[in-house]
C-alpha atoms as a PDB file:
ATOM      1  CA  MET A   1      17.879 144.717 -72.622  1.00  0.00           C
ATOM      2  CA  THR A   2      15.164 146.828 -71.113  1.00  0.00           C
ATOM      3  CA  LEU A   3      15.279 147.691 -67.460  1.00  0.00           C
ATOM      4  CA  ALA A   4      12.308 148.886 -65.420  1.00  0.00           C
ATOM      5  CA  HIS A   5      12.249 149.974 -61.814  1.00  0.00           C
ATOM      6  CA  SER A   6      10.320 152.008 -59.324  1.00  0.00           C
ATOM      7  CA  ALA A   7      10.179 152.630 -55.617  1.00  0.00           C
ATOM      8  CA  GLY A   8       7.839 150.303 -53.821  1.00  0.00           C
ATOM      9  CA  HIS A   9       8.699 150.402 -50.193  1.00  0.00           C
ATOM     10  CA  SER A  10       5.771 149.569 -47.980  1.00  0.00           C
ATOM     11  CA  ALA A  11       6.618 148.636 -44.439  1.00  0.00           C
ATOM     12  CA  GLY A  12       4.302 147.068 -41.977  1.00  0.00           C
ATOM     13  CA  ASN A  13       4.588 146.681 -38.220  1.00  0.00           C
ATOM     14  CA  SER A  14       7.513 144.356 -37.375  1.00  0.00           C
ATOM     15  CA  ALA A  15       5.525 142.752 -34.564  1.00  0.00           C
ATOM     16  CA  GLY A  16       4.814 139.125 -35.215  1.00  0.00           C
ATOM     17  CA  HIS A  17       7.914 138.540 -37.275  1.00  0.00           C
ATOM     18  CA  SER A  18      10.461 135.893 -36.427  1.00  0.00           C
ATOM     19  CA  ALA A  19      12.239 135.842 -33.083  1.00  0.00           C
ATOM     20  CA  GLY A  20      15.427 137.763 -32.586  1.00  0.00           C
ATOM     21  CA  ASN A  21      15.989 141.145 -34.068  1.00  0.00           C
ATOM     22  CA  PRO A  22      13.214 142.134 -36.374  1.00  0.00           C
ATOM     23  CA  VAL A  23      13.885 144.422 -39.316  1.00  0.00           C
ATOM     24  CA  GLN A  24      13.825 148.078 -38.296  1.00  0.00           C
ATOM     25  CA  ARG A  25      11.711 149.252 -41.203  1.00  0.00           C
ATOM     26  CA  GLY A  26      12.878 152.834 -40.991  1.00  0.00           C
ATOM     27  CA  HIS A  27      16.495 151.524 -41.460  1.00  0.00           C
ATOM     28  CA  LEU A  28      15.509 150.148 -44.899  1.00  0.00           C
ATOM     29  CA  GLY A  29      15.322 153.579 -46.538  1.00  0.00           C
ATOM     30  CA  THR A  30      14.097 153.751 -50.022  1.00  0.00           C
ATOM     31  CA  VAL A  31      13.582 150.207 -51.311  1.00  0.00           C
ATOM     32  CA  SER A  32      13.228 149.728 -55.125  1.00  0.00           C
ATOM     33  CA  LEU A  33      12.535 146.897 -57.458  1.00  0.00           C
ATOM     34  CA  LEU A  34      14.239 146.469 -60.859  1.00  0.00           C
ATOM     35  CA  ALA A  35      13.201 143.898 -63.531  1.00  0.00           C
ATOM     36  CA  TRP A  36      15.222 142.687 -66.528  1.00  0.00           C
ATOM     37  CA  ALA A  37      15.715 139.549 -68.585  1.00  0.00           C
ATOM     38  CA  GLY A  38      18.838 138.057 -69.871  1.00  0.00           C
ATOM     39  CA  ASP A  39      19.579 137.968 -73.636  1.00  0.00           C
ATOM     40  CA  PRO A  40      17.700 135.094 -75.337  1.00  0.00           C
ATOM     41  CA  ALA A  41      20.056 135.320 -78.338  1.00  0.00           C
ATOM     42  CA  ALA A  42      22.818 134.317 -75.909  1.00  0.00           C
ATOM     43  CA  GLY A  43      20.749 131.528 -74.589  1.00  0.00           C
ATOM     44  CA  HIS A  44      20.198 133.281 -71.365  1.00  0.00           C
ATOM     45  CA  ASP A  45      16.543 134.343 -71.103  1.00  0.00           C
ATOM     46  CA  THR A  46      16.168 134.271 -67.273  1.00  0.00           C
ATOM     47  CA  PRO A  47      13.791 136.888 -65.861  1.00  0.00           C
ATOM     48  CA  TYR A  48      15.425 138.715 -62.829  1.00  0.00           C
ATOM     49  CA  LEU A  49      14.040 140.971 -60.112  1.00  0.00           C
ATOM     50  CA  LEU A  50      16.370 142.918 -57.885  1.00  0.00           C
ATOM     51  CA  LEU A  51      15.148 144.353 -54.661  1.00  0.00           C
ATOM     52  CA  TYR A  52      17.604 146.886 -53.172  1.00  0.00           C
ATOM     53  CA  SER A  53      17.848 149.981 -51.010  1.00  0.00           C
ATOM     54  CA  LEU A  54      19.405 153.273 -51.747  1.00  0.00           C
ATOM     55  CA  GLY A  55      21.008 153.190 -48.334  1.00  0.00           C
ATOM     56  CA  ASP A  56      19.154 156.296 -47.147  1.00  0.00           C
ATOM     57  CA  GLY A  57      17.586 154.710 -44.100  1.00  0.00           C
ATOM     58  CA  SER A  58      16.934 156.698 -40.882  1.00  0.00           C
ATOM     59  CA  ALA A  59      20.048 155.447 -39.204  1.00  0.00           C
ATOM     60  CA  GLY A  60      22.516 155.630 -42.127  1.00  0.00           C
ATOM     61  CA  PRO A  61      23.917 153.177 -44.693  1.00  0.00           C
ATOM     62  CA  GLU A  62      25.388 150.747 -42.198  1.00  0.00           C
ATOM     63  CA  ALA A  63      21.963 150.293 -40.510  1.00  0.00           C
ATOM     64  CA  THR A  64      20.476 149.870 -43.979  1.00  0.00           C
ATOM     65  CA  VAL A  65      22.828 146.980 -44.652  1.00  0.00           C
ATOM     66  CA  ALA A  66      21.921 145.271 -41.358  1.00  0.00           C
ATOM     67  CA  ALA A  67      18.126 145.819 -42.054  1.00  0.00           C
ATOM     68  CA  MET A  68      18.403 144.365 -45.589  1.00  0.00           C
ATOM     69  CA  ALA A  69      20.360 141.422 -44.311  1.00  0.00           C
ATOM     70  CA  ARG A  70      17.625 140.759 -41.742  1.00  0.00           C
ATOM     71  CA  LEU A  71      15.002 141.127 -44.493  1.00  0.00           C
ATOM     72  CA  ILE A  72      16.836 138.421 -46.456  1.00  0.00           C
ATOM     73  CA  THR A  73      16.691 136.160 -43.396  1.00  0.00           C
ATOM     74  CA  GLU A  74      13.002 136.881 -42.851  1.00  0.00           C
ATOM     75  CA  ALA A  75      12.360 135.933 -46.472  1.00  0.00           C
ATOM     76  CA  GLY A  76      13.891 132.518 -45.700  1.00  0.00           C
ATOM     77  CA  LEU A  77      17.017 133.088 -47.794  1.00  0.00           C
ATOM     78  CA  ARG A  78      20.677 133.030 -46.980  1.00  0.00           C
ATOM     79  CA  THR A  79      23.694 135.025 -48.168  1.00  0.00           C
ATOM     80  CA  GLY A  80      27.079 133.788 -49.185  1.00  0.00           C
ATOM     81  CA  GLY A  81      25.942 132.194 -52.416  1.00  0.00           C
ATOM     82  CA  GLY A  82      23.415 129.584 -53.178  1.00  0.00           C
ATOM     83  CA  LEU A  83      20.008 129.721 -54.614  1.00  0.00           C
ATOM     84  CA  THR A  84      16.780 128.838 -52.791  1.00  0.00           C
ATOM     85  CA  ASP A  85      14.390 127.091 -55.142  1.00  0.00           C
ATOM     86  CA  ALA A  86      10.863 128.000 -54.112  1.00  0.00           C
ATOM     87  CA  THR A  87       9.599 126.426 -57.402  1.00  0.00           C
ATOM     88  CA  ALA A  88      10.471 122.857 -56.175  1.00  0.00           C
ATOM     89  CA  PRO A  89       7.526 120.605 -55.445  1.00  0.00           C
ATOM     90  CA  GLY A  90       6.495 121.027 -51.819  1.00  0.00           C
ATOM     91  CA  ALA A  91       8.621 124.151 -51.362  1.00  0.00           C
ATOM     92  CA  THR A  92       7.261 126.896 -49.232  1.00  0.00           C
ATOM     93  CA  SER A  93       8.427 130.508 -49.190  1.00  0.00           C
ATOM     94  CA  PRO A  94       7.159 133.793 -47.760  1.00  0.00           C
ATOM     95  CA  LEU A  95       8.111 135.397 -51.106  1.00  0.00           C
ATOM     96  CA  ARG A  96       5.132 136.060 -53.346  1.00  0.00           C
ATOM     97  CA  LEU A  97       5.581 137.302 -56.902  1.00  0.00           C
ATOM     98  CA  LEU A  98       2.562 138.375 -58.913  1.00  0.00           C
ATOM     99  CA  ILE A  99       2.081 139.860 -62.313  1.00  0.00           C
ATOM    100  CA  GLU A 100      -0.788 142.350 -62.682  1.00  0.00           C
ATOM    101  CA  GLY A 101      -1.360 144.708 -65.554  1.00  0.00           C
ATOM    102  CA  GLY A 102       2.217 144.558 -66.786  1.00  0.00           C
ATOM    103  CA  TYR A 103       3.694 145.056 -63.337  1.00  0.00           C
ATOM    104  CA  ALA A 104       5.752 142.731 -61.253  1.00  0.00           C
ATOM    105  CA  VAL A 105       4.707 142.820 -57.567  1.00  0.00           C
ATOM    106  CA  LEU A 106       7.029 141.292 -55.034  1.00  0.00           C
ATOM    107  CA  ASN A 107       5.717 140.631 -51.523  1.00  0.00           C
ATOM    108  CA  LEU A 108       7.841 139.456 -48.566  1.00  0.00           C
ATOM    109  CA  PRO A 109       7.398 139.808 -44.832  1.00  0.00           C
ATOM    110  CA  GLY A 110       6.706 143.485 -44.092  1.00  0.00           C
ATOM    111  CA  VAL A 111       7.684 144.827 -47.564  1.00  0.00           C
ATOM    112  CA  SER A 112       5.926 145.058 -50.866  1.00  0.00           C
ATOM    113  CA  ALA A 113       7.503 146.504 -54.034  1.00  0.00           C
ATOM    114  CA  GLN A 114       6.375 146.736 -57.635  1.00  0.00           C
ATOM    115  CA  CYS A 115       7.792 147.863 -60.950  1.00  0.00           C
ATOM    116  CA  ALA A 116       6.653 147.962 -64.566  1.00  0.00           C
ATOM    117  CA  ALA A 117       7.871 144.765 -66.211  1.00  0.00           C
ATOM    118  CA  PRO A 118       9.567 145.096 -69.582  1.00  0.00           C
ATOM    119  CA  PRO A 119       8.064 142.942 -72.439  1.00  0.00           C
ATOM    120  CA  GLU A 120      11.263 140.792 -72.519  1.00  0.00           C
ATOM    121  CA  TRP A 121      10.882 140.049 -68.804  1.00  0.00           C
ATOM    122  CA  LEU A 122       7.191 139.158 -69.229  1.00  0.00           C
ATOM    123  CA  ALA A 123       8.053 136.881 -72.204  1.00  0.00           C
ATOM    124  CA  ALA A 124      10.730 135.134 -70.133  1.00  0.00           C
ATOM    125  CA  VAL A 125       8.359 134.673 -67.214  1.00  0.00           C
ATOM    126  CA  ALA A 126       5.697 133.207 -69.481  1.00  0.00           C
ATOM    127  CA  VAL A 127       8.180 130.606 -70.731  1.00  0.00           C
ATOM    128  CA  ARG A 128       9.805 129.742 -67.368  1.00  0.00           C
ATOM    129  CA  GLY A 129       6.912 130.360 -64.895  1.00  0.00           C
ATOM    130  CA  HIS A 130       9.340 131.843 -62.306  1.00  0.00           C
ATOM    131  CA  ALA A 131      11.901 134.669 -61.801  1.00  0.00           C
ATOM    132  CA  HIS A 132      15.320 134.770 -60.161  1.00  0.00           C
ATOM    133  CA  VAL A 133      14.750 137.172 -57.234  1.00  0.00           C
ATOM    134  CA  ILE A 134      17.841 138.872 -55.834  1.00  0.00           C
ATOM    135  CA  ILE A 135      17.501 140.780 -52.535  1.00  0.00           C
ATOM    136  CA  GLY A 136      20.603 142.901 -52.212  1.00  0.00           C
ATOM    137  CA  SER A 137      21.858 143.847 -48.733  1.00  0.00           C
ATOM    138  CA  LEU A 138      24.440 146.360 -49.937  1.00  0.00           C
ATOM    139  CA  PRO A 139      22.986 149.809 -50.963  1.00  0.00           C
ATOM    140  CA  TRP A 140      22.881 151.031 -54.491  1.00  0.00           C
ATOM    141  CA  PRO A 141      22.407 154.751 -54.102  1.00  0.00           C
ATOM    142  CA  GLN A 142      23.053 155.462 -57.839  1.00  0.00           C
ATOM    143  CA  ALA A 143      19.900 153.610 -58.983  1.00  0.00           C
ATOM    144  CA  VAL A 144      17.334 156.199 -58.001  1.00  0.00           C
ATOM    145  CA  PRO A 145      13.756 155.388 -58.783  1.00  0.00           C
ATOM    146  CA  GLY A 146      12.284 157.438 -61.587  1.00  0.00           C
ATOM    147  CA  TYR A 147      15.682 157.728 -63.423  1.00  0.00           C
ATOM    148  CA  PRO A 148      16.974 155.366 -66.055  1.00  0.00           C
ATOM    149  CA  VAL A 149      19.393 152.662 -65.075  1.00  0.00           C
ATOM    150  CA  SER A 150      21.805 151.848 -67.854  1.00  0.00           C
ATOM    151  CA  GLU A 151      22.798 148.230 -68.654  1.00  0.00           C
ATOM    152  CA  GLU A 152      26.345 149.090 -67.705  1.00  0.00           C
ATOM    153  CA  ALA A 153      25.241 150.489 -64.361  1.00  0.00           C
ATOM    154  CA  LEU A 154      23.281 147.326 -63.631  1.00  0.00           C
ATOM    155  CA  HIS A 155      26.321 145.121 -64.575  1.00  0.00           C
ATOM    156  CA  SER A 156      28.561 147.215 -62.430  1.00  0.00           C
ATOM    157  CA  TYR A 157      26.357 146.583 -59.457  1.00  0.00           C
ATOM    158  CA  VAL A 158      25.217 142.948 -59.854  1.00  0.00           C
ATOM    159  CA  GLY A 159      28.481 142.009 -61.534  1.00  0.00           C
ATOM    160  CA  GLN A 160      30.452 142.484 -58.250  1.00  0.00           C
ATOM    161  CA  GLU A 161      31.162 139.348 -56.384  1.00  0.00           C
ATOM    162  CA  ASP A 162      30.720 141.035 -52.978  1.00  0.00           C
ATOM    163  CA  ILE A 163      27.288 142.378 -54.008  1.00  0.00           C
ATOM    164  CA  LEU A 164      26.141 138.948 -55.117  1.00  0.00           C
ATOM    165  CA  LEU A 165      27.511 137.098 -52.064  1.00  0.00           C
ATOM    166  CA  ALA A 166      25.879 139.569 -49.715  1.00  0.00           C
ATOM    167  CA  ALA A 167      22.529 139.088 -51.471  1.00  0.00           C
ATOM    168  CA  GLY A 168      19.820 136.489 -50.998  1.00  0.00           C
ATOM    169  CA  HIS A 169      18.825 134.578 -54.226  1.00  0.00           C
ATOM    170  CA  ALA A 170      15.645 132.559 -54.928  1.00  0.00           C
ATOM    171  CA  LEU A 171      13.798 131.142 -57.813  1.00  0.00           C
ATOM    172  CA  VAL A 172      10.230 132.264 -57.124  1.00  0.00           C
ATOM    173  CA  PRO A 173       7.099 131.018 -58.976  1.00  0.00           C
ATOM    174  CA  VAL A 174       5.056 133.743 -60.661  1.00  0.00           C
ATOM    175  CA  GLY A 175       1.350 133.980 -59.829  1.00  0.00           C
ATOM    176  CA  ARG A 176      -1.349 135.928 -61.563  1.00  0.00           C
ATOM    177  CA  LEU A 177      -4.372 137.611 -60.160  1.00  0.00           C
ATOM    178  CA  ARG A 178      -7.504 136.088 -61.545  1.00  0.00           C
END
């Protein structure tokens, strides 16, 4: 399995977002995107994208958790398990996933992130036409952009039930720039 990630935090003005408490963009800290695909030999060739924060936001890790949770809500997702299927006929979602020049680009309200997509991920996306996007609310400070993330480190993060339950999950169709 090949993993690819890079920092991609781009925050916009929170004005105009949903009512209530908008995401405090400075509280997000360093937001990164990681792409990988399951093992096709094991019959599991799903392409995954994980959007996460290092937890280094301006108000500390606790505020980062709250900001990421709010980001999940603004993306139309829920935590606690369950998968939002944005690929279903008639489904609408503020999540946009594009592939351009070998990069996966994920856009959601106020945040855009990109990472180089490994060949296995691109092949899985070509077959499926969508990716399983995970937006983690709990920080992952060990997965610093620009440094390799081992398969074991990935499994130790996304393999924890509390991490997965605190995350938003969606199947998101993949678009391509023409």
